[in-house]
All heavy atoms as atom14 arrays in JSON, in Angstrom:
{
  "sequence": "GDEIYLKGARDIGSALYQHTADEKGEHKVR",
  "atom14_mask": [
    [1, 1, 1, 1, 0, 0, 0, 0, 0, 0, 0, 0, 0, 0],
    [1, 1, 1, 1, 1, 1, 1, 1, 0, 0, 0, 0, 0, 0],
    [1, 1, 1, 1, 1, 1, 1, 1, 1, 0, 0, 0, 0, 0],
    [1, 1, 1, 1, 1, 1, 1, 1, 0, 0, 0, 0, 0, 0],
    [1, 1, 1, 1, 1, 1, 1, 1, 1, 1, 1, 1, 0, 0],
    [1, 1, 1, 1, 1, 1, 1, 1, 0, 0, 0, 0, 0, 0],
    [1, 1, 1, 1, 1, 1, 1, 1, 1, 0, 0, 0, 0, 0],
    [1, 1, 1, 1, 0, 0, 0, 0, 0, 0, 0, 0, 0, 0],
    [1, 1, 1, 1, 1, 0, 0, 0, 0, 0, 0, 0, 0, 0],
    [1, 1, 1, 1, 1, 1, 1, 1, 1, 1, 1, 0, 0, 0],
    [1, 1, 1, 1, 1, 1, 1, 1, 0, 0, 0, 0, 0, 0],
    [1, 1, 1, 1, 1, 1, 1, 1, 0, 0, 0, 0, 0, 0],
    [1, 1, 1, 1, 0, 0, 0, 0, 0, 0, 0, 0, 0, 0],
    [1, 1, 1, 1, 1, 1, 0, 0, 0, 0, 0, 0, 0, 0],
    [1, 1, 1, 1, 1, 0, 0, 0, 0, 0, 0, 0, 0, 0],
    [1, 1, 1, 1, 1, 1, 1, 1, 0, 0, 0, 0, 0, 0],
    [1, 1, 1, 1, 1, 1, 1, 1, 1, 1, 1, 1, 0, 0],
    [1, 1, 1, 1, 1, 1, 1, 1, 1, 0, 0, 0, 0, 0],
    [1, 1, 1, 1, 1, 1, 1, 1, 1, 1, 0, 0, 0, 0],
    [1, 1, 1, 1, 1, 1, 1, 0, 0, 0, 0, 0, 0, 0],
    [1, 1, 1, 1, 1, 0, 0, 0, 0, 0, 0, 0, 0, 0],
    [1, 1, 1, 1, 1, 1, 1, 1, 0, 0, 0, 0, 0, 0],
    [1, 1, 1, 1, 1, 1, 1, 1, 1, 0, 0, 0, 0, 0],
    [1, 1, 1, 1, 1, 1, 1, 1, 1, 0, 0, 0, 0, 0],
    [1, 1, 1, 1, 0, 0, 0, 0, 0, 0, 0, 0, 0, 0],
    [1, 1, 1, 1, 1, 1, 1, 1, 1, 0, 0, 0, 0, 0],
    [1, 1, 1, 1, 1, 1, 1, 1, 1, 1, 0, 0, 0, 0],
    [1, 1, 1, 1, 1, 1, 1, 1, 1, 0, 0, 0, 0, 0],
    [1, 1, 1, 1, 1, 1, 1, 0, 0, 0, 0, 0, 0, 0],
    [1, 1, 1, 1, 1, 1, 1, 1, 1, 1, 1, 0, 0, 0]
  ],
  "atom14_positions": [
    [[119.33, 90.2, 118.12], [118.83, 90.45, 119.47], [119.69, 91.37, 120.3], [119.36, 91.63, 121.46], [0.0, 0.0, 0.0], [0.0, 0.0, 0.0], [0.0, 0.0, 0.0], [0.0, 0.0, 0.0], [0.0, 0.0, 0.0], [0.0, 0.0, 0.0], [0.0, 0.0, 0.0], [0.0, 0.0, 0.0], [0.0, 0.0, 0.0], [0.0, 0.0, 0.0]],
    [[120.79, 91.87, 119.74], [121.65, 92.77, 120.51], [120.93, 94.09, 120.79], [120.06, 94.53, 120.04], [122.94, 93.05, 119.74], [123.75, 91.78, 119.51], [123.45, 90.78, 120.19], [124.63, 91.8, 118.63], [0.0, 0.0, 0.0], [0.0, 0.0, 0.0], [0.0, 0.0, 0.0], [0.0, 0.0, 0.0], [0.0, 0.0, 0.0], [0.0, 0.0, 0.0]],
    [[121.34, 94.74, 121.88], [120.67, 95.96, 122.31], [120.75, 97.06, 121.26], [119.8, 97.82, 121.07], [121.29, 96.45, 123.62], [120.62, 97.69, 124.21], [119.16, 97.48, 124.53], [118.77, 96.34, 124.87], [118.37, 98.45, 124.42], [0.0, 0.0, 0.0], [0.0, 0.0, 0.0], [0.0, 0.0, 0.0], [0.0, 0.0, 0.0], [0.0, 0.0, 0.0]],
    [[121.86, 97.15, 120.54], [122.0, 98.21, 119.54], [121.0, 98.01, 118.4], [120.46, 98.97, 117.84], [123.45, 98.27, 119.02], [123.62, 99.48, 118.11], [123.82, 96.97, 118.29], [125.06, 99.72, 117.68], [0.0, 0.0, 0.0], [0.0, 0.0, 0.0], [0.0, 0.0, 0.0], [0.0, 0.0, 0.0], [0.0, 0.0, 0.0], [0.0, 0.0, 0.0]],
    [[120.72, 96.74, 118.07], [119.74, 96.47, 117.03], [118.31, 96.73, 117.52], [117.46, 97.23, 116.78], [119.87, 95.03, 116.54], [121.16, 94.76, 115.8], [122.26, 94.24, 116.44], [121.26, 95.04, 114.43], [123.44, 94.0, 115.77], [122.43, 94.8, 113.73], [123.53, 94.28, 114.41], [124.7, 94.04, 113.74], [0.0, 0.0, 0.0], [0.0, 0.0, 0.0]],
    [[118.07, 96.4, 118.79], [116.75, 96.67, 119.37], [116.48, 98.17, 119.41], [115.39, 98.63, 119.08], [116.67, 96.08, 120.78], [116.76, 94.55, 120.88], [116.81, 94.11, 122.34], [115.57, 93.9, 120.19], [0.0, 0.0, 0.0], [0.0, 0.0, 0.0], [0.0, 0.0, 0.0], [0.0, 0.0, 0.0], [0.0, 0.0, 0.0], [0.0, 0.0, 0.0]],
    [[117.5, 98.94, 119.83], [117.33, 100.4, 119.87], [117.19, 100.97, 118.47], [116.39, 101.89, 118.23], [118.53, 101.04, 120.58], [118.37, 102.54, 120.78], [119.56, 103.13, 121.5], [119.29, 104.6, 121.84], [118.95, 105.42, 120.65], [0.0, 0.0, 0.0], [0.0, 0.0, 0.0], [0.0, 0.0, 0.0], [0.0, 0.0, 0.0], [0.0, 0.0, 0.0]],
    [[117.94, 100.42, 117.51], [117.81, 100.89, 116.12], [116.41, 100.65, 115.58], [115.84, 101.52, 114.9], [0.0, 0.0, 0.0], [0.0, 0.0, 0.0], [0.0, 0.0, 0.0], [0.0, 0.0, 0.0], [0.0, 0.0, 0.0], [0.0, 0.0, 0.0], [0.0, 0.0, 0.0], [0.0, 0.0, 0.0], [0.0, 0.0, 0.0], [0.0, 0.0, 0.0]],
    [[115.82, 99.5, 115.9], [114.47, 99.2, 115.43], [113.45, 100.16, 116.06], [112.54, 100.67, 115.4], [114.11, 97.76, 115.75], [0.0, 0.0, 0.0], [0.0, 0.0, 0.0], [0.0, 0.0, 0.0], [0.0, 0.0, 0.0], [0.0, 0.0, 0.0], [0.0, 0.0, 0.0], [0.0, 0.0, 0.0], [0.0, 0.0, 0.0], [0.0, 0.0, 0.0]],
    [[113.61, 100.41, 117.37], [112.7, 101.34, 118.05], [112.84, 102.74, 117.48], [111.84, 103.44, 117.26], [112.98, 101.35, 119.56], [112.52, 100.11, 120.3], [112.51, 100.35, 121.79], [113.84, 100.68, 122.29], [114.71, 99.79, 122.77], [114.39, 98.51, 122.8], [115.89, 100.17, 123.22], [0.0, 0.0, 0.0], [0.0, 0.0, 0.0], [0.0, 0.0, 0.0]],
    [[114.07, 103.18, 117.23], [114.29, 104.53, 116.71], [113.71, 104.68, 115.3], [113.1, 105.71, 114.99], [115.79, 104.83, 116.69], [116.36, 105.04, 118.08], [115.55, 105.16, 119.02], [117.59, 105.07, 118.24], [0.0, 0.0, 0.0], [0.0, 0.0, 0.0], [0.0, 0.0, 0.0], [0.0, 0.0, 0.0], [0.0, 0.0, 0.0], [0.0, 0.0, 0.0]],
    [[113.9, 103.68, 114.46], [113.35, 103.75, 113.11], [111.83, 103.8, 113.15], [111.19, 104.58, 112.43], [113.85, 102.56, 112.27], [115.33, 102.71, 111.97], [113.07, 102.46, 110.96], [115.92, 101.51, 111.24], [0.0, 0.0, 0.0], [0.0, 0.0, 0.0], [0.0, 0.0, 0.0], [0.0, 0.0, 0.0], [0.0, 0.0, 0.0], [0.0, 0.0, 0.0]],
    [[111.23, 102.96, 113.99], [109.76, 102.98, 114.12], [109.26, 104.32, 114.6], [108.26, 104.85, 114.08], [0.0, 0.0, 0.0], [0.0, 0.0, 0.0], [0.0, 0.0, 0.0], [0.0, 0.0, 0.0], [0.0, 0.0, 0.0], [0.0, 0.0, 0.0], [0.0, 0.0, 0.0], [0.0, 0.0, 0.0], [0.0, 0.0, 0.0], [0.0, 0.0, 0.0]],
    [[109.95, 104.91, 115.59], [109.54, 106.22, 116.1], [109.69, 107.3, 115.03], [108.85, 108.19, 114.9], [110.37, 106.59, 117.33], [110.16, 105.66, 118.37], [0.0, 0.0, 0.0], [0.0, 0.0, 0.0], [0.0, 0.0, 0.0], [0.0, 0.0, 0.0], [0.0, 0.0, 0.0], [0.0, 0.0, 0.0], [0.0, 0.0, 0.0], [0.0, 0.0, 0.0]],
    [[110.79, 107.22, 114.25], [111.02, 108.22, 113.2], [109.96, 108.12, 112.11], [109.46, 109.14, 111.64], [112.42, 108.03, 112.61], [0.0, 0.0, 0.0], [0.0, 0.0, 0.0], [0.0, 0.0, 0.0], [0.0, 0.0, 0.0], [0.0, 0.0, 0.0], [0.0, 0.0, 0.0], [0.0, 0.0, 0.0], [0.0, 0.0, 0.0], [0.0, 0.0, 0.0]],
    [[109.62, 106.91, 111.7], [108.59, 106.73, 110.67], [107.25, 107.28, 111.14], [106.55, 107.99, 110.39], [108.45, 105.24, 110.32], [109.57, 104.62, 109.48], [109.39, 103.11, 109.42], [109.56, 105.21, 108.08], [0.0, 0.0, 0.0], [0.0, 0.0, 0.0], [0.0, 0.0, 0.0], [0.0, 0.0, 0.0], [0.0, 0.0, 0.0], [0.0, 0.0, 0.0]],
    [[106.89, 106.95, 112.37], [105.6, 107.41, 112.91], [105.58, 108.93, 113.05], [104.61, 109.59, 112.67], [105.33, 106.75, 114.26], [104.03, 107.21, 114.89], [102.81, 106.66, 114.51], [104.02, 108.19, 115.88], [101.62, 107.07, 115.09], [102.84, 108.61, 116.46], [101.65, 108.05, 116.06], [100.47, 108.47, 116.63], [0.0, 0.0, 0.0], [0.0, 0.0, 0.0]],
    [[106.68, 109.51, 113.59], [106.71, 110.95, 113.81], [106.7, 111.71, 112.49], [106.05, 112.75, 112.37], [107.96, 111.32, 114.62], [107.94, 112.75, 115.13], [106.78, 113.0, 116.08], [106.53, 112.18, 116.97], [106.09, 114.11, 115.9], [0.0, 0.0, 0.0], [0.0, 0.0, 0.0], [0.0, 0.0, 0.0], [0.0, 0.0, 0.0], [0.0, 0.0, 0.0]],
    [[107.41, 111.19, 111.49], [107.42, 111.84, 110.17], [106.02, 111.85, 109.58], [105.58, 112.87, 109.02], [108.39, 111.11, 109.24], [108.53, 111.76, 107.9], [107.64, 111.51, 106.86], [109.43, 112.64, 107.41], [108.0, 112.21, 105.8], [109.09, 112.9, 106.1], [0.0, 0.0, 0.0], [0.0, 0.0, 0.0], [0.0, 0.0, 0.0], [0.0, 0.0, 0.0]],
    [[105.31, 110.74, 109.7], [103.95, 110.66, 109.17], [103.01, 111.58, 109.93], [102.15, 112.25, 109.34], [103.44, 109.21, 109.23], [104.37, 108.36, 108.56], [102.07, 109.09, 108.56], [0.0, 0.0, 0.0], [0.0, 0.0, 0.0], [0.0, 0.0, 0.0], [0.0, 0.0, 0.0], [0.0, 0.0, 0.0], [0.0, 0.0, 0.0], [0.0, 0.0, 0.0]],
    [[103.16, 111.63, 111.25], [102.32, 112.5, 112.06], [102.59, 113.97, 111.75], [101.66, 114.79, 111.7], [102.53, 112.22, 113.54], [0.0, 0.0, 0.0], [0.0, 0.0, 0.0], [0.0, 0.0, 0.0], [0.0, 0.0, 0.0], [0.0, 0.0, 0.0], [0.0, 0.0, 0.0], [0.0, 0.0, 0.0], [0.0, 0.0, 0.0], [0.0, 0.0, 0.0]],
    [[103.86, 114.32, 111.52], [104.22, 115.72, 111.25], [103.63, 116.22, 109.94], [103.34, 117.41, 109.8], [105.74, 115.88, 111.22], [106.35, 115.74, 112.61], [105.6, 115.86, 113.59], [107.58, 115.51, 112.7], [0.0, 0.0, 0.0], [0.0, 0.0, 0.0], [0.0, 0.0, 0.0], [0.0, 0.0, 0.0], [0.0, 0.0, 0.0], [0.0, 0.0, 0.0]],
    [[103.45, 115.33, 108.96], [102.87, 115.76, 107.69], [101.37, 115.48, 107.62], [100.8, 115.29, 106.55], [103.58, 115.08, 106.52], [103.49, 113.58, 106.47], [103.94, 113.02, 105.14], [104.04, 113.81, 104.17], [104.17, 111.81, 105.06], [0.0, 0.0, 0.0], [0.0, 0.0, 0.0], [0.0, 0.0, 0.0], [0.0, 0.0, 0.0], [0.0, 0.0, 0.0]],
    [[100.73, 115.46, 108.82], [99.28, 115.29, 108.93], [98.8, 113.99, 108.28], [97.8, 113.94, 107.58], [98.55, 116.49, 108.32], [98.89, 117.82, 108.97], [98.16, 118.97, 108.33], [98.43, 120.29, 109.03], [99.87, 120.66, 109.01], [0.0, 0.0, 0.0], [0.0, 0.0, 0.0], [0.0, 0.0, 0.0], [0.0, 0.0, 0.0], [0.0, 0.0, 0.0]],
    [[99.56, 112.94, 108.54], [99.23, 111.64, 107.95], [97.89, 111.1, 108.42], [97.21, 110.39, 107.67], [0.0, 0.0, 0.0], [0.0, 0.0, 0.0], [0.0, 0.0, 0.0], [0.0, 0.0, 0.0], [0.0, 0.0, 0.0], [0.0, 0.0, 0.0], [0.0, 0.0, 0.0], [0.0, 0.0, 0.0], [0.0, 0.0, 0.0], [0.0, 0.0, 0.0]],
    [[97.49, 111.43, 109.65], [96.22, 110.94, 110.16], [95.05, 111.43, 109.31], [94.13, 110.68, 108.98], [96.04, 111.39, 111.62], [94.79, 110.86, 112.28], [94.72, 111.25, 113.74], [95.72, 111.76, 114.27], [93.65, 111.05, 114.35], [0.0, 0.0, 0.0], [0.0, 0.0, 0.0], [0.0, 0.0, 0.0], [0.0, 0.0, 0.0], [0.0, 0.0, 0.0]],
    [[95.1, 112.7, 108.9], [94.03, 113.25, 108.07], [94.09, 112.68, 106.65], [93.04, 112.46, 106.02], [94.14, 114.78, 108.03], [93.99, 115.43, 109.37], [92.76, 115.64, 109.97], [94.91, 115.9, 110.25], [92.93, 116.22, 111.14], [94.23, 116.38, 111.33], [0.0, 0.0, 0.0], [0.0, 0.0, 0.0], [0.0, 0.0, 0.0], [0.0, 0.0, 0.0]],
    [[95.29, 112.44, 106.15], [95.41, 111.9, 104.79], [94.92, 110.45, 104.73], [94.27, 110.05, 103.76], [96.87, 112.0, 104.34], [97.34, 113.45, 104.19], [98.81, 113.55, 103.83], [99.24, 115.01, 103.73], [100.68, 115.15, 103.42], [0.0, 0.0, 0.0], [0.0, 0.0, 0.0], [0.0, 0.0, 0.0], [0.0, 0.0, 0.0], [0.0, 0.0, 0.0]],
    [[95.21, 109.68, 105.77], [94.7, 108.31, 105.82], [93.18, 108.32, 105.94], [92.48, 107.5, 105.32], [95.33, 107.54, 107.0], [94.67, 106.17, 107.18], [96.83, 107.37, 106.77], [0.0, 0.0, 0.0], [0.0, 0.0, 0.0], [0.0, 0.0, 0.0], [0.0, 0.0, 0.0], [0.0, 0.0, 0.0], [0.0, 0.0, 0.0], [0.0, 0.0, 0.0]],
    [[92.65, 109.26, 106.7], [91.19, 109.37, 106.85], [90.54, 109.66, 105.5], [89.52, 109.07, 105.14], [90.86, 110.47, 107.85], [89.37, 110.67, 108.12], [89.16, 111.85, 109.06], [87.74, 112.1, 109.31], [87.04, 111.55, 110.28], [87.63, 110.7, 111.1], [85.76, 111.82, 110.44], [0.0, 0.0, 0.0], [0.0, 0.0, 0.0], [0.0, 0.0, 0.0]]
  ]
}
């Protein structure tokens, strides 16, 4: 529950989503 772990979780989630979006993941999932 420490702030550094909360920020790490948010950053990893943002990185995963942005990486998928950058490689046109929305169209590939479709």
